[in-house]
C-alpha atoms as a PDB file:
ATOM      1  CA  MET A   1     -85.216 -57.202  -1.895  1.00  0.00           C
ATOM      2  CA  THR A   2     -88.846 -58.406  -2.394  1.00  0.00           C
ATOM      3  CA  GLN A   3     -87.361 -61.791  -3.226  1.00  0.00           C
ATOM      4  CA  TYR A   4     -86.696 -61.861   0.085  1.00  0.00           C
ATOM      5  CA  GLU A   5     -88.971 -59.802   1.720  1.00  0.00           C
ATOM      6  CA  THR A   6     -90.358 -62.831   4.483  1.00  0.00           C
ATOM      7  CA  GLU A   7     -86.483 -64.197   5.172  1.00  0.00           C
ATOM      8  CA  GLN A   8     -84.302 -61.415   5.076  1.00  0.00           C
ATOM      9  CA  LEU A   9     -84.822 -58.243   7.907  1.00  0.00           C
ATOM     10  CA  SER A  10     -82.895 -55.705   6.855  1.00  0.00           C
ATOM     11  CA  PHE A  11     -81.232 -54.453   3.949  1.00  0.00           C
ATOM     12  CA  SER A  12     -78.605 -52.054   3.665  1.00  0.00           C
ATOM     13  CA  LEU A  13     -77.992 -49.915   0.777  1.00  0.00           C
ATOM     14  CA  LEU A  14     -74.881 -47.569   0.030  1.00  0.00           C
ATOM     15  CA  ALA A  15     -74.958 -44.505  -2.619  1.00  0.00           C
ATOM     16  CA  MET A  16     -71.477 -43.498  -3.700  1.00  0.00           C
ATOM     17  CA  CYS A  17     -71.636 -39.872  -4.883  1.00  0.00           C
ATOM     18  CA  GLY A  18     -68.986 -36.985  -5.382  1.00  0.00           C
ATOM     19  CA  ASN A  19     -67.973 -34.812  -2.924  1.00  0.00           C
ATOM     20  CA  HIS A  20     -68.691 -31.261  -3.924  1.00  0.00           C
ATOM     21  CA  LEU A  21     -66.043 -29.901  -1.778  1.00  0.00           C
ATOM     22  CA  ALA A  22     -63.719 -32.052  -3.942  1.00  0.00           C
ATOM     23  CA  SER A  23     -64.768 -30.455  -6.868  1.00  0.00           C
ATOM     24  CA  ILE A  24     -65.333 -26.495  -5.335  1.00  0.00           C
ATOM     25  CA  ARG A  25     -61.542 -27.188  -4.731  1.00  0.00           C
ATOM     26  CA  LYS A  26     -60.928 -27.683  -8.134  1.00  0.00           C
ATOM     27  CA  GLU A  27     -62.558 -25.377  -9.223  1.00  0.00           C
ATOM     28  CA  LEU A  28     -60.669 -23.088  -6.867  1.00  0.00           C
ATOM     29  CA  ALA A  29     -57.269 -24.495  -7.918  1.00  0.00           C
ATOM     30  CA  ILE A  30     -58.347 -23.617 -11.468  1.00  0.00           C
ATOM     31  CA  THR A  31     -58.945 -20.108 -10.314  1.00  0.00           C
ATOM     32  CA  MET A  32     -55.760 -19.973  -8.553  1.00  0.00           C
ATOM     33  CA  ALA A  33     -53.291 -21.226 -10.945  1.00  0.00           C
ATOM     34  CA  SER A  34     -54.862 -18.724 -13.800  1.00  0.00           C
ATOM     35  CA  LEU A  35     -54.101 -16.190 -11.354  1.00  0.00           C
ATOM     36  CA  ASP A  36     -50.659 -17.504 -10.469  1.00  0.00           C
ATOM     37  CA  ALA A  37     -50.183 -17.746 -14.227  1.00  0.00           C
ATOM     38  CA  LEU A  38     -50.864 -13.828 -15.011  1.00  0.00           C
ATOM     39  CA  ASP A  39     -49.045 -12.450 -11.796  1.00  0.00           C
ATOM     40  CA  ALA A  40     -46.041 -14.563 -13.506  1.00  0.00           C
ATOM     41  CA  ARG A  41     -46.050 -12.667 -16.626  1.00  0.00           C
ATOM     42  CA  TRP A  42     -47.064  -8.753 -15.301  1.00  0.00           C
ATOM     43  CA  GLY A  43     -45.665  -9.003 -11.843  1.00  0.00           C
ATOM     44  CA  SER A  44     -43.030  -7.517 -12.376  1.00  0.00           C
ATOM     45  CA  SER A  45     -44.660  -4.121 -14.552  1.00  0.00           C
ATOM     46  CA  PRO A  46     -45.254  -0.992 -11.582  1.00  0.00           C
ATOM     47  CA  GLU A  47     -48.133  -0.991 -13.413  1.00  0.00           C
ATOM     48  CA  TRP A  48     -49.956  -4.007 -12.834  1.00  0.00           C
ATOM     49  CA  ALA A  49     -50.100  -3.939  -8.987  1.00  0.00           C
ATOM     50  CA  VAL A  50     -51.920  -0.592  -9.814  1.00  0.00           C
ATOM     51  CA  SER A  51     -54.312  -2.310 -12.548  1.00  0.00           C
ATOM     52  CA  LYS A  52     -55.731  -5.363 -10.168  1.00  0.00           C
ATOM     53  CA  PRO A  53     -58.630  -4.866  -7.672  1.00  0.00           C
ATOM     54  CA  ASP A  54     -57.912  -4.323  -3.490  1.00  0.00           C
ATOM     55  CA  GLY A  55     -58.002  -7.395  -1.432  1.00  0.00           C
ATOM     56  CA  GLU A  56     -57.257 -10.668  -0.540  1.00  0.00           C
ATOM     57  CA  VAL A  57     -56.433 -13.265  -3.053  1.00  0.00           C
ATOM     58  CA  LEU A  58     -55.870 -17.073  -2.723  1.00  0.00           C
ATOM     59  CA  LEU A  59     -52.835 -17.681  -4.910  1.00  0.00           C
ATOM     60  CA  GLY A  60     -50.574 -20.983  -5.500  1.00  0.00           C
ATOM     61  CA  SER A  61     -48.873 -21.965  -3.107  1.00  0.00           C
ATOM     62  CA  THR A  62     -47.716 -18.294  -1.887  1.00  0.00           C
ATOM     63  CA  ASN A  63     -49.437 -19.136   1.925  1.00  0.00           C
ATOM     64  CA  PRO A  64     -49.646 -22.569   2.934  1.00  0.00           C
ATOM     65  CA  ALA A  65     -52.194 -21.129   6.481  1.00  0.00           C
ATOM     66  CA  LYS A  66     -54.401 -19.819   3.589  1.00  0.00           C
ATOM     67  CA  LEU A  67     -54.505 -23.096   2.003  1.00  0.00           C
ATOM     68  CA  ARG A  68     -55.251 -25.134   3.987  1.00  0.00           C
ATOM     69  CA  GLU A  69     -58.673 -23.514   5.222  1.00  0.00           C
ATOM     70  CA  TYR A  70     -59.709 -24.874   2.545  1.00  0.00           C
ATOM     71  CA  GLY A  71     -57.747 -28.150   2.870  1.00  0.00           C
ATOM     72  CA  LEU A  72     -55.366 -27.808   0.031  1.00  0.00           C
ATOM     73  CA  GLY A  73     -51.872 -28.116   0.602  1.00  0.00           C
ATOM     74  CA  THR A  74     -48.629 -26.742  -1.025  1.00  0.00           C
ATOM     75  CA  GLY A  75     -48.837 -29.625  -3.897  1.00  0.00           C
ATOM     76  CA  ASP A  76     -52.352 -30.044  -3.979  1.00  0.00           C
ATOM     77  CA  VAL A  77     -52.557 -27.163  -6.636  1.00  0.00           C
ATOM     78  CA  ASP A  78     -50.337 -28.152  -9.335  1.00  0.00           C
ATOM     79  CA  ILE A  79     -52.200 -31.392  -9.150  1.00  0.00           C
ATOM     80  CA  LEU A  80     -55.671 -30.798  -9.412  1.00  0.00           C
ATOM     81  CA  VAL A  81     -55.281 -28.210 -12.386  1.00  0.00           C
ATOM     82  CA  ALA A  82     -52.932 -30.726 -14.414  1.00  0.00           C
ATOM     83  CA  GLY A  83     -54.370 -31.227 -17.988  1.00  0.00           C
ATOM     84  CA  SER A  84     -56.465 -28.357 -17.567  1.00  0.00           C
ATOM     85  CA  SER A  85     -57.727 -26.480 -20.642  1.00  0.00           C
ATOM     86  CA  ASN A  86     -58.830 -23.615 -18.539  1.00  0.00           C
ATOM     87  CA  VAL A  87     -55.450 -22.550 -17.538  1.00  0.00           C
ATOM     88  CA  ALA A  88     -54.074 -23.523 -20.275  1.00  0.00           C
ATOM     89  CA  GLU A  89     -55.421 -20.926 -21.907  1.00  0.00           C
ATOM     90  CA  THR A  90     -54.969 -18.844 -18.889  1.00  0.00           C
ATOM     91  CA  LYS A  91     -51.374 -19.257 -19.888  1.00  0.00           C
ATOM     92  CA  ARG A  92     -51.547 -18.948 -23.170  1.00  0.00           C
ATOM     93  CA  VAL A  93     -53.481 -15.140 -23.449  1.00  0.00           C
ATOM     94  CA  ALA A  94     -50.662 -14.072 -20.637  1.00  0.00           C
ATOM     95  CA  CYS A  95     -47.775 -15.544 -22.288  1.00  0.00           C
ATOM     96  CA  GLY A  96     -48.303 -15.192 -25.592  1.00  0.00           C
ATOM     97  CA  LEU A  97     -46.986 -12.058 -28.153  1.00  0.00           C
ATOM     98  CA  GLU A  98     -50.423 -10.630 -28.951  1.00  0.00           C
ATOM     99  CA  ALA A  99     -51.008 -10.346 -24.628  1.00  0.00           C
ATOM    100  CA  GLU A 100     -51.471  -7.015 -23.919  1.00  0.00           C
ATOM    101  CA  MET A 101     -51.457  -5.361 -20.158  1.00  0.00           C
ATOM    102  CA  ALA A 102     -55.374  -4.359 -20.498  1.00  0.00           C
ATOM    103  CA  ASN A 103     -56.329  -7.422 -21.551  1.00  0.00           C
ATOM    104  CA  ALA A 104     -54.350  -9.495 -18.738  1.00  0.00           C
ATOM    105  CA  ALA A 105     -55.812  -6.760 -16.134  1.00  0.00           C
ATOM    106  CA  ASN A 106     -58.928  -7.562 -17.631  1.00  0.00           C
ATOM    107  CA  LEU A 107     -58.933 -11.333 -16.916  1.00  0.00           C
ATOM    108  CA  TRP A 108     -57.484 -11.363 -13.708  1.00  0.00           C
ATOM    109  CA  ARG A 109     -60.126  -9.435 -13.093  1.00  0.00           C
ATOM    110  CA  LYS A 110     -62.812 -11.932 -13.767  1.00  0.00           C
ATOM    111  CA  LEU A 111     -60.727 -14.728 -11.820  1.00  0.00           C
ATOM    112  CA  TYR A 112     -60.557 -12.507  -9.061  1.00  0.00           C
ATOM    113  CA  ASP A 113     -64.412 -12.338  -8.870  1.00  0.00           C
ATOM    114  CA  ASP A 114     -64.768 -16.193 -10.080  1.00  0.00           C
ATOM    115  CA  GLN A 115     -62.403 -16.969  -6.941  1.00  0.00           C
ATOM    116  CA  LYS A 116     -64.494 -15.066  -4.484  1.00  0.00           C
ATOM    117  CA  LYS A 117     -68.008 -16.808  -5.410  1.00  0.00           C
ATOM    118  CA  ILE A 118     -65.792 -20.400  -5.657  1.00  0.00           C
ATOM    119  CA  ARG A 119     -64.723 -19.109  -2.396  1.00  0.00           C
ATOM    120  CA  ASP A 120     -68.370 -17.857  -0.971  1.00  0.00           C
ATOM    121  CA  ARG A 121     -69.857 -21.568  -1.794  1.00  0.00           C
ATOM    122  CA  TYR A 122     -67.042 -23.688  -0.643  1.00  0.00           C
ATOM    123  CA  ALA A 123     -67.578 -21.686   2.885  1.00  0.00           C
ATOM    124  CA  THR A 124     -71.068 -22.828   1.831  1.00  0.00           C
ATOM    125  CA  GLU A 125     -70.375 -25.969   1.637  1.00  0.00           C
ATOM    126  CA  HIS A 126     -68.745 -26.337   4.725  1.00  0.00           C
ATOM    127  CA  ARG A 127     -70.522 -25.157   6.771  1.00  0.00           C
ATOM    128  CA  ASN A 128     -73.739 -27.729   6.134  1.00  0.00           C
ATOM    129  CA  SER A 129     -71.305 -30.205   5.388  1.00  0.00           C
ATOM    130  CA  MET A 130     -70.264 -29.429   9.173  1.00  0.00           C
ATOM    131  CA  HIS A 131     -74.839 -29.035  10.316  1.00  0.00           C
ATOM    132  CA  GLU A 132     -75.011 -32.974   8.596  1.00  0.00           C
ATOM    133  CA  VAL A 133     -72.288 -34.354  10.666  1.00  0.00           C
ATOM    134  CA  VAL A 134     -73.883 -32.974  13.627  1.00  0.00           C
ATOM    135  CA  ASN A 135     -77.962 -33.764  13.243  1.00  0.00           C
ATOM    136  CA  VAL A 136     -76.293 -37.680  12.087  1.00  0.00           C
ATOM    137  CA  LEU A 137     -74.469 -36.922  16.272  1.00  0.00           C
ATOM    138  CA  GLY A 138     -77.620 -35.882  17.114  1.00  0.00           C
ATOM    139  CA  ARG A 139     -79.179 -38.858  16.071  1.00  0.00           C
ATOM    140  CA  THR A 140     -77.013 -41.506  17.604  1.00  0.00           C
ATOM    141  CA  LYS A 141     -77.536 -42.602  20.912  1.00  0.00           C
ATOM    142  CA  ASP A 142     -75.236 -45.475  22.772  1.00  0.00           C
ATOM    143  CA  HIS A 143     -77.569 -47.526  24.452  1.00  0.00           C
ATOM    144  CA  THR A 144     -74.324 -50.017  26.735  1.00  0.00           C
ATOM    145  CA  PRO A 145     -75.224 -47.880  29.564  1.00  0.00           C
ATOM    146  CA  VAL A 146     -79.116 -48.961  29.921  1.00  0.00           C
ATOM    147  CA  ILE A 147     -78.679 -51.541  28.840  1.00  0.00           C
ATOM    148  CA  HIS A 148     -75.644 -52.706  30.900  1.00  0.00           C
ATOM    149  CA  GLU A 149     -78.038 -51.509  34.201  1.00  0.00           C
ATOM    150  CA  TRP A 150     -80.817 -53.901  32.247  1.00  0.00           C
ATOM    151  CA  VAL A 151     -78.869 -57.043  31.953  1.00  0.00           C
ATOM    152  CA  ARG A 152     -77.677 -56.303  36.114  1.00  0.00           C
ATOM    153  CA  ARG A 153     -81.242 -55.427  37.528  1.00  0.00           C
ATOM    154  CA  LEU A 154     -81.962 -59.151  35.941  1.00  0.00           C
ATOM    155  CA  ALA A 155     -78.873 -60.663  37.441  1.00  0.00           C
ATOM    156  CA  GLU A 156     -80.488 -59.527  40.600  1.00  0.00           C
ATOM    157  CA  HIS A 157     -83.191 -61.287  40.191  1.00  0.00           C
ATOM    158  CA  ASN A 158     -82.047 -63.880  39.237  1.00  0.00           C
ATOM    159  CA  MET A 159     -84.273 -64.052  35.975  1.00  0.00           C
ATOM    160  CA  LEU A 160     -80.813 -64.331  33.793  1.00  0.00           C
ATOM    161  CA  LEU A 161     -80.847 -68.160  34.276  1.00  0.00           C
ATOM    162  CA  PRO A 162     -84.611 -68.897  33.423  1.00  0.00           C
ATOM    163  CA  LEU A 163     -84.640 -66.390  30.554  1.00  0.00           C
ATOM    164  CA  HIS A 164     -81.461 -68.347  28.665  1.00  0.00           C
ATOM    165  CA  GLU A 165     -82.898 -71.293  29.443  1.00  0.00           C
ATOM    166  CA  GLU A 166     -86.089 -70.727  27.544  1.00  0.00           C
ATOM    167  CA  VAL A 167     -84.373 -69.072  25.200  1.00  0.00           C
ATOM    168  CA  GLU A 168     -82.887 -72.451  24.021  1.00  0.00           C
ATOM    169  CA  MET A 169     -85.308 -74.374  24.186  1.00  0.00           C
ATOM    170  CA  GLN A 170     -86.954 -71.713  21.331  1.00  0.00           C
ATOM    171  CA  GLY A 171     -84.112 -72.250  19.477  1.00  0.00           C
END
């Protein structure tokens, strides 16, 4: 930039960075798929429903309206968790021969708590990003009406032609 300092009046700087909401969505998808795996294995057992805490849980694609709140579609969860070692480990624990309902219930509770924290982080990040958008929009101004009025008044006072000739002589 210093090389062109006298010749160039302005520079642009572009930074590429990750989207925080996208990484939080992936974490959320991993917990959803893990919770789904546990429910798929143990859901038919009457004791399973009793062992889980009360509360709302976002599970896989069972609630498309809820998924949309987090910017996810019904197929997005599968795509985001493809190859996730966390989900593979949960499925191994859930479906393995050594799996016991007590261990699965403890894992479910941990995942449930993790998901609540992730959802809170998502809400905070989303609120912050919306606040940034409002701030940016507040800093932008449309000066077209002012410029139009200024040019109209210059034309009314027959100033445009002399200004145009002066610019041509300089340029």
